[in-house]
Amino acid sequence: MAKLLSYKANWNLNSHSGLIHVKLWAGNPSNPHQTFTASLQPQTPEEMQMLVDLLRNEEPLEYDSSTKELRLGEWEVAGEGEP
């Protein structure tokens, strides 16, 4: 899993398809500026919206480019922020 640093989202209005590019930390302590990129291809507009929502609002995020798994990094309390 690599730490997700930033993202760029694109939605093509002609083909009705999305693509999200993510910048990830390579995890090399001796070179903390070493990064790499990966691409996420949402299958539906709803999936695109959900992914952009996670990228925009959650932290920390990690991504495994081999399994295509996006992980929220910390446990959250159930019902957090609810009255």
N, C-alpha and C. Protein backbone atom coordinates (compact mmCIF):
# COMPACT_ATOMS: atom_id res chain seq x y z
N MET A 1 0.84 -1.18 0.00
CA MET A 1 0.00 0.00 0.00
C MET A 1 0.89 1.24 0.00
N ALA A 2 0.51 2.19 -0.80
CA ALA A 2 1.24 3.44 -0.90
C ALA A 2 0.35 4.58 -0.42
N LYS A 3 0.95 5.55 0.24
CA LYS A 3 0.20 6.71 0.72
C LYS A 3 -0.22 7.57 -0.47
N LEU A 4 -1.50 7.88 -0.53
CA LEU A 4 -2.04 8.70 -1.61
C LEU A 4 -1.83 10.17 -1.25
N LEU A 5 -1.14 10.90 -2.15
CA LEU A 5 -0.79 12.29 -1.89
C LEU A 5 -1.74 13.29 -2.53
N SER A 6 -2.11 13.04 -3.78
CA SER A 6 -2.98 13.97 -4.50
C SER A 6 -3.67 13.23 -5.64
N TYR A 7 -4.63 13.92 -6.26
CA TYR A 7 -5.38 13.31 -7.36
C TYR A 7 -5.81 14.35 -8.36
N LYS A 8 -6.15 13.86 -9.56
CA LYS A 8 -6.71 14.70 -10.61
C LYS A 8 -7.81 13.87 -11.28
N ALA A 9 -9.03 14.40 -11.32
CA ALA A 9 -10.17 13.67 -11.86
C ALA A 9 -10.60 14.26 -13.20
N ASN A 10 -10.92 13.39 -14.15
CA ASN A 10 -11.40 13.81 -15.47
C ASN A 10 -12.68 13.06 -15.80
N TRP A 11 -13.67 13.76 -16.35
CA TRP A 11 -14.89 13.14 -16.83
C TRP A 11 -15.08 13.56 -18.29
N ASN A 12 -15.17 12.58 -19.19
CA ASN A 12 -15.35 12.85 -20.60
C ASN A 12 -16.84 12.90 -20.93
N LEU A 13 -17.32 14.07 -21.33
CA LEU A 13 -18.74 14.24 -21.62
C LEU A 13 -19.18 13.53 -22.90
N ASN A 14 -18.26 13.28 -23.83
CA ASN A 14 -18.62 12.58 -25.06
C ASN A 14 -18.77 11.08 -24.84
N SER A 15 -17.82 10.49 -24.15
CA SER A 15 -17.85 9.03 -23.95
C SER A 15 -18.52 8.63 -22.64
N HIS A 16 -18.87 9.62 -21.80
CA HIS A 16 -19.49 9.36 -20.50
C HIS A 16 -18.64 8.38 -19.69
N SER A 17 -17.35 8.72 -19.60
CA SER A 17 -16.43 7.87 -18.84
C SER A 17 -15.50 8.75 -18.02
N GLY A 18 -15.01 8.19 -16.93
CA GLY A 18 -14.15 8.94 -16.04
C GLY A 18 -12.80 8.28 -15.87
N LEU A 19 -11.84 9.09 -15.43
CA LEU A 19 -10.49 8.61 -15.15
C LEU A 19 -9.95 9.47 -14.01
N ILE A 20 -9.37 8.82 -13.02
CA ILE A 20 -8.78 9.53 -11.90
C ILE A 20 -7.31 9.15 -11.82
N HIS A 21 -6.44 10.15 -11.87
CA HIS A 21 -5.00 9.93 -11.72
C HIS A 21 -4.64 10.24 -10.28
N VAL A 22 -3.88 9.35 -9.64
CA VAL A 22 -3.47 9.56 -8.27
C VAL A 22 -1.95 9.57 -8.18
N LYS A 23 -1.44 10.47 -7.33
CA LYS A 23 0.00 10.53 -7.07
C LYS A 23 0.23 9.86 -5.73
N LEU A 24 1.18 8.94 -5.69
CA LEU A 24 1.43 8.12 -4.51
C LEU A 24 2.88 8.25 -4.05
N TRP A 25 3.08 8.16 -2.74
CA TRP A 25 4.44 8.17 -2.19
C TRP A 25 5.04 6.79 -2.36
N ALA A 26 6.25 6.72 -2.88
CA ALA A 26 6.92 5.45 -3.14
C ALA A 26 7.31 4.72 -1.86
N GLY A 27 7.28 5.38 -0.72
CA GLY A 27 7.57 4.73 0.56
C GLY A 27 9.04 4.57 0.86
N ASN A 28 9.88 5.34 0.17
CA ASN A 28 11.32 5.25 0.37
C ASN A 28 11.77 6.33 1.35
N PRO A 29 12.06 5.98 2.62
CA PRO A 29 12.46 6.99 3.60
C PRO A 29 13.72 7.75 3.22
N SER A 30 14.62 7.12 2.47
CA SER A 30 15.85 7.81 2.08
C SER A 30 15.61 8.82 0.96
N ASN A 31 14.47 8.71 0.26
CA ASN A 31 14.11 9.67 -0.78
C ASN A 31 12.62 10.01 -0.60
N PRO A 32 12.28 10.87 0.36
CA PRO A 32 10.87 11.14 0.68
C PRO A 32 10.10 11.85 -0.43
N HIS A 33 10.80 12.35 -1.45
CA HIS A 33 10.12 13.05 -2.55
C HIS A 33 9.84 12.12 -3.74
N GLN A 34 10.23 10.85 -3.64
CA GLN A 34 10.02 9.90 -4.73
C GLN A 34 8.55 9.47 -4.77
N THR A 35 7.89 9.75 -5.90
CA THR A 35 6.48 9.43 -6.07
C THR A 35 6.27 8.65 -7.35
N PHE A 36 5.09 8.07 -7.50
CA PHE A 36 4.67 7.44 -8.75
C PHE A 36 3.18 7.69 -8.92
N THR A 37 2.67 7.44 -10.10
CA THR A 37 1.26 7.68 -10.37
C THR A 37 0.56 6.38 -10.76
N ALA A 38 -0.74 6.37 -10.56
CA ALA A 38 -1.60 5.26 -10.97
C ALA A 38 -2.91 5.86 -11.46
N SER A 39 -3.67 5.08 -12.20
CA SER A 39 -4.96 5.55 -12.72
C SER A 39 -6.09 4.66 -12.23
N LEU A 40 -7.19 5.29 -11.85
CA LEU A 40 -8.40 4.59 -11.45
C LEU A 40 -9.44 4.82 -12.54
N GLN A 41 -10.11 3.76 -12.97
CA GLN A 41 -11.15 3.87 -14.00
C GLN A 41 -12.49 3.47 -13.43
N PRO A 42 -13.27 4.45 -12.96
CA PRO A 42 -14.60 4.15 -12.45
C PRO A 42 -15.48 3.54 -13.54
N GLN A 43 -16.37 2.63 -13.16
CA GLN A 43 -17.23 1.94 -14.11
C GLN A 43 -18.55 2.65 -14.35
N THR A 44 -18.95 3.51 -13.41
CA THR A 44 -20.23 4.22 -13.53
C THR A 44 -20.05 5.65 -13.02
N PRO A 45 -20.98 6.56 -13.39
CA PRO A 45 -20.91 7.91 -12.83
C PRO A 45 -21.03 7.91 -11.30
N GLU A 46 -21.80 7.00 -10.75
CA GLU A 46 -21.96 6.91 -9.30
C GLU A 46 -20.64 6.50 -8.62
N GLU A 47 -19.93 5.58 -9.24
CA GLU A 47 -18.64 5.17 -8.70
C GLU A 47 -17.63 6.32 -8.78
N MET A 48 -17.67 7.06 -9.88
CA MET A 48 -16.80 8.24 -10.02
C MET A 48 -17.09 9.23 -8.91
N GLN A 49 -18.36 9.51 -8.67
CA GLN A 49 -18.76 10.45 -7.63
C GLN A 49 -18.30 9.97 -6.25
N MET A 50 -18.47 8.69 -5.97
CA MET A 50 -18.08 8.14 -4.68
C MET A 50 -16.56 8.23 -4.49
N LEU A 51 -15.79 7.90 -5.52
CA LEU A 51 -14.33 7.96 -5.41
C LEU A 51 -13.84 9.39 -5.20
N VAL A 52 -14.37 10.33 -5.98
CA VAL A 52 -13.97 11.73 -5.82
C VAL A 52 -14.36 12.23 -4.43
N ASP A 53 -15.51 11.81 -3.92
CA ASP A 53 -15.93 12.19 -2.58
C ASP A 53 -14.95 11.67 -1.53
N LEU A 54 -14.53 10.42 -1.66
CA LEU A 54 -13.53 9.86 -0.73
C LEU A 54 -12.22 10.62 -0.82
N LEU A 55 -11.75 10.85 -2.05
CA LEU A 55 -10.48 11.55 -2.24
C LEU A 55 -10.52 12.97 -1.68
N ARG A 56 -11.64 13.61 -1.82
CA ARG A 56 -11.79 15.00 -1.37
C ARG A 56 -11.91 15.11 0.15
N ASN A 57 -12.57 14.13 0.78
CA ASN A 57 -12.96 14.30 2.18
C ASN A 57 -12.27 13.40 3.20
N GLU A 58 -11.61 12.36 2.76
CA GLU A 58 -11.04 11.41 3.72
C GLU A 58 -9.52 11.51 3.76
N GLU A 59 -8.97 11.23 4.94
CA GLU A 59 -7.54 11.23 5.13
C GLU A 59 -7.21 10.41 6.35
N PRO A 60 -6.20 9.60 6.37
CA PRO A 60 -5.30 9.29 5.27
C PRO A 60 -5.89 8.25 4.33
N LEU A 61 -5.41 8.24 3.11
CA LEU A 61 -5.82 7.25 2.12
C LEU A 61 -4.59 6.51 1.61
N GLU A 62 -4.76 5.22 1.35
CA GLU A 62 -3.70 4.40 0.77
C GLU A 62 -4.26 3.67 -0.43
N TYR A 63 -3.37 3.36 -1.39
CA TYR A 63 -3.80 2.68 -2.61
C TYR A 63 -2.80 1.59 -2.96
N ASP A 64 -3.32 0.43 -3.32
CA ASP A 64 -2.49 -0.69 -3.79
C ASP A 64 -2.71 -0.82 -5.29
N SER A 65 -1.71 -0.46 -6.09
CA SER A 65 -1.87 -0.46 -7.54
C SER A 65 -1.96 -1.87 -8.13
N SER A 66 -1.50 -2.90 -7.41
CA SER A 66 -1.60 -4.26 -7.96
C SER A 66 -3.00 -4.85 -7.75
N THR A 67 -3.64 -4.56 -6.62
CA THR A 67 -4.97 -5.11 -6.35
C THR A 67 -6.08 -4.10 -6.63
N LYS A 68 -5.70 -2.83 -6.91
CA LYS A 68 -6.66 -1.74 -7.17
C LYS A 68 -7.52 -1.46 -5.94
N GLU A 69 -6.93 -1.61 -4.75
CA GLU A 69 -7.65 -1.40 -3.50
C GLU A 69 -7.35 -0.01 -2.95
N LEU A 70 -8.38 0.75 -2.67
CA LEU A 70 -8.28 2.06 -2.03
C LEU A 70 -8.71 1.87 -0.58
N ARG A 71 -7.86 2.28 0.35
CA ARG A 71 -8.14 2.03 1.76
C ARG A 71 -8.13 3.33 2.55
N LEU A 72 -9.15 3.49 3.39
CA LEU A 72 -9.15 4.57 4.37
C LEU A 72 -8.24 4.11 5.50
N GLY A 73 -7.30 4.95 5.89
CA GLY A 73 -6.22 4.53 6.77
C GLY A 73 -6.52 4.32 8.23
N GLU A 74 -7.58 4.89 8.77
CA GLU A 74 -7.81 4.82 10.21
C GLU A 74 -9.20 4.27 10.52
N TRP A 75 -9.33 3.66 11.69
CA TRP A 75 -10.64 3.24 12.18
C TRP A 75 -11.44 4.48 12.53
N GLU A 76 -12.73 4.46 12.23
CA GLU A 76 -13.61 5.58 12.59
C GLU A 76 -14.68 5.08 13.54
N VAL A 77 -15.08 5.95 14.44
CA VAL A 77 -16.12 5.62 15.41
C VAL A 77 -17.46 5.60 14.69
N ALA A 78 -18.26 4.56 14.92
CA ALA A 78 -19.59 4.48 14.31
C ALA A 78 -20.45 5.63 14.82
N GLY A 79 -21.17 6.27 13.90
CA GLY A 79 -22.05 7.36 14.27
C GLY A 79 -21.34 8.65 14.61
N GLU A 80 -20.07 8.74 14.25
CA GLU A 80 -19.29 9.95 14.56
C GLU A 80 -19.97 11.20 14.00
N GLY A 81 -20.10 12.20 14.82
CA GLY A 81 -20.68 13.46 14.41
C GLY A 81 -22.20 13.46 14.37
N GLU A 82 -22.82 12.36 14.72
CA GLU A 82 -24.28 12.27 14.72
C GLU A 82 -24.83 12.67 16.08
N PRO A 83 -25.98 13.38 16.12
CA PRO A 83 -26.56 13.77 17.43
C PRO A 83 -27.13 12.57 18.18
